[in-house]
Amino acid sequence: MAGKVALVTGAAAGIGRAIALRLGEEGATQILVDIDDKGLRETERMLKAAGYPVMAITADVTEEAPVKALFAKALAAHGRLDILVNDVGGGSCGHIWEAKVEDWDFVQKLNLRSTFLCTREAAAHMRERRAGRIVNMSSGAREGTPWTAYYIGNSAYSAAKAAIHGFTRGVALELAEYNVFVNAVAPGPIETERTGPGFRKIEALEYGPVRATPLRRIGVPEDIASAVLFLASDEANYITGTTLAVAGGR
């Protein structure tokens, strides 16, 4: 990562923060983005305290104008972008028989539209430079999540993360001739500040995440950060259009 410029969205906490810290440790210069200004500033503080070069920009990456402004700032500051990590995501719609259309639309916008908008801006730049790495965040939920489906329901999230898989494949094929690599990571159950309390409530249940995961543990954000680091690095020079499952065998 030394000498590389990376932009990481969703960097205010959880997986996004772990990715930022890992890329920083490996020498990347970073632009960190999130709509959560307080959390974003804490991630920035952590990186700066460790001596890693970083710039934080608070922005809503589900909207076109802020995304264009974000990339303009990043390119003005650094002159180029080598790596984009699309980590923004989440949301819930409940069981399908009670799901509201506005919740469904919000989940698609948060996960899929944000990835599209940021990827479009990065792709135009990377295509011209004929170099770049894009890593998107899919999920084990792209094939359905037993405990989520059984206990709370969230088909909107599964649909969005399956779409990320297809989007990644399509964009990778479009950009392959320009030496731009596009891959995705599909986390299984990962304990973060947001998901931890929920996992604690259901981990002993029949369809709980621990019992449904062959490695018999819930993952940690650092597990995902390591996978992102690999796909963003020159070690993945013959991998594109792939969704890498980091899900404990699920």
Protein backbone atom coordinates (compact mmCIF):
# COMPACT_ATOMS: atom_id res chain seq x y z
CA MET A 1 0.00 0.00 0.00
CA ALA A 2 2.99 2.34 0.32
CA GLY A 3 2.52 5.27 -2.05
CA LYS A 4 -1.08 4.32 -2.86
CA VAL A 5 -4.04 6.70 -2.48
CA ALA A 6 -7.23 5.04 -1.20
CA LEU A 7 -10.76 6.33 -0.66
CA VAL A 8 -12.82 4.38 1.89
CA THR A 9 -16.53 5.03 2.39
CA GLY A 10 -18.43 4.07 5.55
CA ALA A 11 -15.29 4.69 7.60
CA ALA A 12 -16.93 6.03 10.79
CA ALA A 13 -17.09 2.68 12.61
CA GLY A 14 -17.11 -1.09 12.36
CA ILE A 15 -15.78 -2.71 9.20
CA GLY A 16 -15.05 0.61 7.50
CA ARG A 17 -12.91 1.79 10.39
CA ALA A 18 -11.05 -1.53 10.50
CA ILE A 19 -10.34 -1.26 6.76
CA ALA A 20 -9.03 2.29 7.17
CA LEU A 21 -6.76 1.27 10.04
CA ARG A 22 -5.39 -1.73 8.13
CA LEU A 23 -4.71 0.23 4.94
CA GLY A 24 -3.06 2.91 7.07
CA GLU A 25 -0.82 0.34 8.73
CA GLU A 26 0.28 -0.82 5.29
CA GLY A 27 1.24 2.69 4.17
CA ALA A 28 -1.74 4.00 2.20
CA THR A 29 -2.65 7.67 2.06
CA GLN A 30 -6.40 7.81 2.64
CA ILE A 31 -9.54 9.86 2.09
CA LEU A 32 -12.17 8.65 4.56
CA VAL A 33 -15.86 9.30 4.03
CA ASP A 34 -19.04 8.88 6.06
CA ILE A 35 -22.26 10.73 6.82
CA ASP A 36 -21.56 10.22 10.56
CA ASP A 37 -19.26 13.15 11.24
CA LYS A 38 -18.55 12.27 14.89
CA GLY A 39 -17.56 8.69 14.15
CA LEU A 40 -15.57 9.75 11.10
CA ARG A 41 -13.56 12.26 13.10
CA GLU A 42 -12.74 9.57 15.64
CA THR A 43 -11.41 7.28 12.90
CA GLU A 44 -9.40 10.19 11.54
CA ARG A 45 -8.02 10.89 15.02
CA MET A 46 -6.96 7.27 15.44
CA LEU A 47 -5.11 7.27 12.14
CA LYS A 48 -3.41 10.58 12.76
CA ALA A 49 -2.37 9.49 16.25
CA ALA A 50 -0.60 6.54 14.62
CA GLY A 51 1.08 8.85 12.13
CA TYR A 52 -0.87 7.74 9.06
CA PRO A 53 -1.71 10.32 6.34
CA VAL A 54 -5.47 10.83 6.16
CA MET A 55 -8.15 13.30 5.13
CA ALA A 56 -11.77 12.95 6.35
CA ILE A 57 -14.76 14.25 4.37
CA THR A 58 -18.30 14.11 5.73
CA ALA A 59 -20.65 13.35 2.84
CA ASP A 60 -23.80 11.46 1.86
CA VAL A 61 -22.63 9.06 -0.85
CA THR A 62 -26.17 8.04 -1.77
CA GLU A 63 -26.60 11.38 -3.56
CA GLU A 64 -24.96 12.39 -6.83
CA ALA A 65 -23.83 15.95 -6.07
CA PRO A 66 -21.98 15.13 -2.82
CA VAL A 67 -20.22 12.21 -4.52
CA LYS A 68 -19.01 14.37 -7.40
CA ALA A 69 -17.79 16.99 -4.92
CA LEU A 70 -16.08 14.29 -2.84
CA PHE A 71 -14.08 12.93 -5.77
CA ALA A 72 -13.21 16.42 -6.95
CA LYS A 73 -11.74 17.17 -3.50
CA ALA A 74 -9.85 13.89 -3.38
CA LEU A 75 -8.31 14.35 -6.81
CA ALA A 76 -7.49 17.99 -6.14
CA ALA A 77 -5.67 16.99 -2.95
CA HIS A 78 -3.76 13.99 -4.29
CA GLY A 79 -3.87 14.14 -8.08
CA ARG A 80 -4.94 10.54 -8.42
CA LEU A 81 -6.88 7.68 -6.84
CA ASP A 82 -5.49 4.15 -6.76
CA ILE A 83 -8.06 2.35 -4.60
CA LEU A 84 -11.77 2.73 -3.87
CA VAL A 85 -13.42 0.73 -1.09
CA ASN A 86 -17.23 0.93 -1.10
CA ASP A 87 -18.22 0.02 2.45
CA VAL A 88 -21.49 1.94 2.92
CA GLY A 89 -24.43 -0.38 3.56
CA GLY A 90 -26.97 -1.82 5.97
CA GLY A 91 -30.67 -1.23 6.55
CA SER A 92 -33.70 -3.41 7.22
CA CYS A 93 -37.21 -3.88 5.83
CA GLY A 94 -38.64 -6.61 8.11
CA HIS A 95 -40.48 -9.71 6.92
CA ILE A 96 -41.71 -9.52 3.35
CA TRP A 97 -45.38 -9.57 4.32
CA GLU A 98 -44.95 -6.43 6.41
CA ALA A 99 -42.23 -4.63 4.45
CA LYS A 100 -42.85 -1.01 3.52
CA VAL A 101 -41.89 0.23 0.08
CA GLU A 102 -40.00 3.19 1.54
CA ASP A 103 -37.85 0.82 3.64
CA TRP A 104 -37.16 -1.36 0.61
CA ASP A 105 -36.14 1.69 -1.44
CA PHE A 106 -33.93 3.02 1.36
CA VAL A 107 -31.99 -0.26 1.61
CA GLN A 108 -31.39 -0.34 -2.15
CA LYS A 109 -30.28 3.30 -2.13
CA LEU A 110 -27.96 2.88 0.84
CA ASN A 111 -26.22 -0.26 -0.43
CA LEU A 112 -26.49 -0.21 -4.21
CA ARG A 113 -26.85 3.42 -5.26
CA SER A 114 -23.92 4.50 -3.08
CA THR A 115 -21.72 1.84 -4.68
CA PHE A 116 -22.83 2.82 -8.17
CA LEU A 117 -22.22 6.54 -7.67
CA CYS A 118 -18.75 6.14 -6.16
CA THR A 119 -17.72 3.45 -8.62
CA ARG A 120 -18.80 5.57 -11.58
CA GLU A 121 -16.59 8.48 -10.47
CA ALA A 122 -13.62 6.24 -9.68
CA ALA A 123 -13.98 4.25 -12.91
CA ALA A 124 -13.80 7.35 -15.12
CA HIS A 125 -10.54 8.38 -13.46
CA MET A 126 -9.01 4.90 -13.25
CA ARG A 127 -9.91 4.08 -16.85
CA GLU A 128 -8.05 7.16 -18.03
CA ARG A 129 -5.01 6.24 -15.90
CA ARG A 130 -5.32 2.58 -16.94
CA ALA A 131 -4.83 1.48 -13.35
CA GLY A 132 -6.90 1.04 -10.22
CA ARG A 133 -8.56 -1.23 -7.68
CA ILE A 134 -12.20 -1.15 -6.61
CA VAL A 135 -13.46 -3.32 -3.74
CA ASN A 136 -17.19 -3.46 -3.05
CA MET A 137 -18.98 -4.85 -0.01
CA SER A 138 -21.42 -7.64 -0.74
CA SER A 139 -22.55 -10.06 1.99
CA GLY A 140 -23.29 -13.66 2.78
CA ALA A 141 -26.87 -12.35 2.80
CA ARG A 142 -26.74 -12.31 -1.02
CA GLU A 143 -27.74 -15.97 -0.80
CA GLY A 144 -30.07 -15.47 2.17
CA THR A 145 -29.21 -15.39 5.86
CA PRO A 146 -31.01 -18.08 7.91
CA TRP A 147 -31.10 -16.26 11.25
CA THR A 148 -32.13 -12.94 9.70
CA ALA A 149 -34.84 -14.53 7.57
CA TYR A 150 -36.21 -16.60 10.43
CA TYR A 151 -36.21 -14.01 13.19
CA ILE A 152 -36.60 -10.55 11.62
CA GLY A 153 -36.67 -10.86 7.83
CA ASN A 154 -34.72 -8.64 5.47
CA SER A 155 -35.15 -9.61 1.84
CA ALA A 156 -34.29 -6.05 0.77
CA TYR A 157 -30.76 -6.40 2.14
CA SER A 158 -30.30 -9.81 0.50
CA ALA A 159 -31.47 -8.38 -2.81
CA ALA A 160 -29.13 -5.39 -2.55
CA LYS A 161 -26.10 -7.51 -1.71
CA ALA A 162 -26.87 -9.97 -4.52
CA ALA A 163 -27.02 -6.95 -6.81
CA ILE A 164 -23.59 -5.85 -5.58
CA HIS A 165 -22.27 -9.26 -6.66
CA GLY A 166 -23.71 -8.83 -10.17
CA PHE A 167 -22.65 -5.19 -10.37
CA THR A 168 -19.09 -6.11 -9.42
CA ARG A 169 -18.93 -8.78 -12.11
CA GLY A 170 -20.34 -6.50 -14.80
CA VAL A 171 -18.11 -3.52 -14.00
CA ALA A 172 -15.04 -5.78 -13.77
CA LEU A 173 -15.66 -6.98 -17.32
CA GLU A 174 -16.14 -3.41 -18.55
CA LEU A 175 -12.89 -2.21 -16.99
CA ALA A 176 -10.64 -5.24 -17.47
CA GLU A 177 -9.01 -3.96 -20.66
CA TYR A 178 -8.05 -0.77 -18.79
CA ASN A 179 -6.17 -2.66 -16.05
CA VAL A 180 -8.76 -1.72 -13.43
CA PHE A 181 -9.56 -4.58 -11.04
CA VAL A 182 -13.03 -4.78 -9.49
CA ASN A 183 -13.87 -7.31 -6.78
CA ALA A 184 -16.14 -7.67 -3.78
CA VAL A 185 -15.94 -9.09 -0.28
CA ALA A 186 -18.93 -10.95 1.16
CA PRO A 187 -18.79 -10.95 4.97
CA GLY A 188 -20.60 -13.50 7.03
CA PRO A 189 -21.72 -12.61 10.58
CA ILE A 190 -19.36 -9.88 11.80
CA GLU A 191 -19.56 -8.38 15.27
CA THR A 192 -19.43 -4.60 15.24
CA GLU A 193 -20.71 -1.88 17.55
CA ARG A 194 -24.03 -2.05 15.72
CA THR A 195 -24.47 -5.80 15.21
CA GLY A 196 -22.93 -7.14 18.44
CA PRO A 197 -25.94 -6.70 20.75
CA GLY A 198 -28.23 -8.43 18.26
CA PHE A 199 -25.90 -11.38 17.85
CA ARG A 200 -25.68 -11.81 21.61
CA LYS A 201 -29.47 -12.19 21.79
CA ILE A 202 -29.73 -14.95 19.20
CA GLU A 203 -26.38 -16.75 19.24
CA ALA A 204 -27.72 -19.72 21.22
CA LEU A 205 -30.88 -20.15 19.16
CA GLU A 206 -31.32 -22.98 16.67
CA TYR A 207 -30.80 -20.79 13.63
CA GLY A 208 -28.32 -18.46 15.32
CA PRO A 209 -25.14 -17.26 13.59
CA VAL A 210 -22.69 -19.34 15.63
CA ARG A 211 -24.49 -22.63 15.03
CA ALA A 212 -24.95 -21.80 11.34
CA THR A 213 -21.25 -21.01 10.83
CA PRO A 214 -18.93 -24.01 10.43
CA LEU A 215 -16.01 -22.24 12.15
CA ARG A 216 -18.30 -21.73 15.17
CA ARG A 217 -17.51 -18.10 15.75
CA ILE A 218 -18.73 -14.68 14.72
CA GLY A 219 -16.17 -12.78 12.71
CA VAL A 220 -14.52 -9.49 13.62
CA PRO A 221 -14.03 -6.42 11.39
CA GLU A 222 -10.33 -7.18 11.06
CA ASP A 223 -11.22 -10.40 9.23
CA ILE A 224 -12.86 -8.33 6.51
CA ALA A 225 -10.13 -5.69 6.50
CA SER A 226 -7.54 -8.36 5.71
CA ALA A 227 -9.56 -9.57 2.71
CA VAL A 228 -10.02 -6.02 1.43
CA LEU A 229 -6.29 -5.39 1.81
CA PHE A 230 -5.53 -8.46 -0.31
CA LEU A 231 -7.91 -7.53 -3.11
CA ALA A 232 -6.70 -3.92 -3.12
CA SER A 233 -3.05 -4.98 -3.33
CA ASP A 234 -0.77 -6.11 -6.14
CA GLU A 235 -0.96 -9.61 -4.66
CA ALA A 236 -4.35 -9.95 -6.40
CA ASN A 237 -3.00 -9.23 -9.89
CA TYR A 238 -4.96 -12.03 -11.59
CA ILE A 239 -8.26 -11.63 -9.76
CA THR A 240 -11.13 -9.51 -11.01
CA GLY A 241 -14.92 -9.88 -11.09
CA THR A 242 -14.82 -12.10 -7.99
CA THR A 243 -16.82 -11.99 -4.76
CA LEU A 244 -14.65 -13.36 -1.95
CA ALA A 245 -16.67 -14.98 0.84
CA VAL A 246 -15.24 -14.22 4.30
CA ALA A 247 -17.90 -16.05 6.26
CA GLY A 248 -16.37 -18.81 8.36
CA GLY A 249 -17.42 -21.48 5.85
CA ARG A 250 -21.11 -20.55 5.82
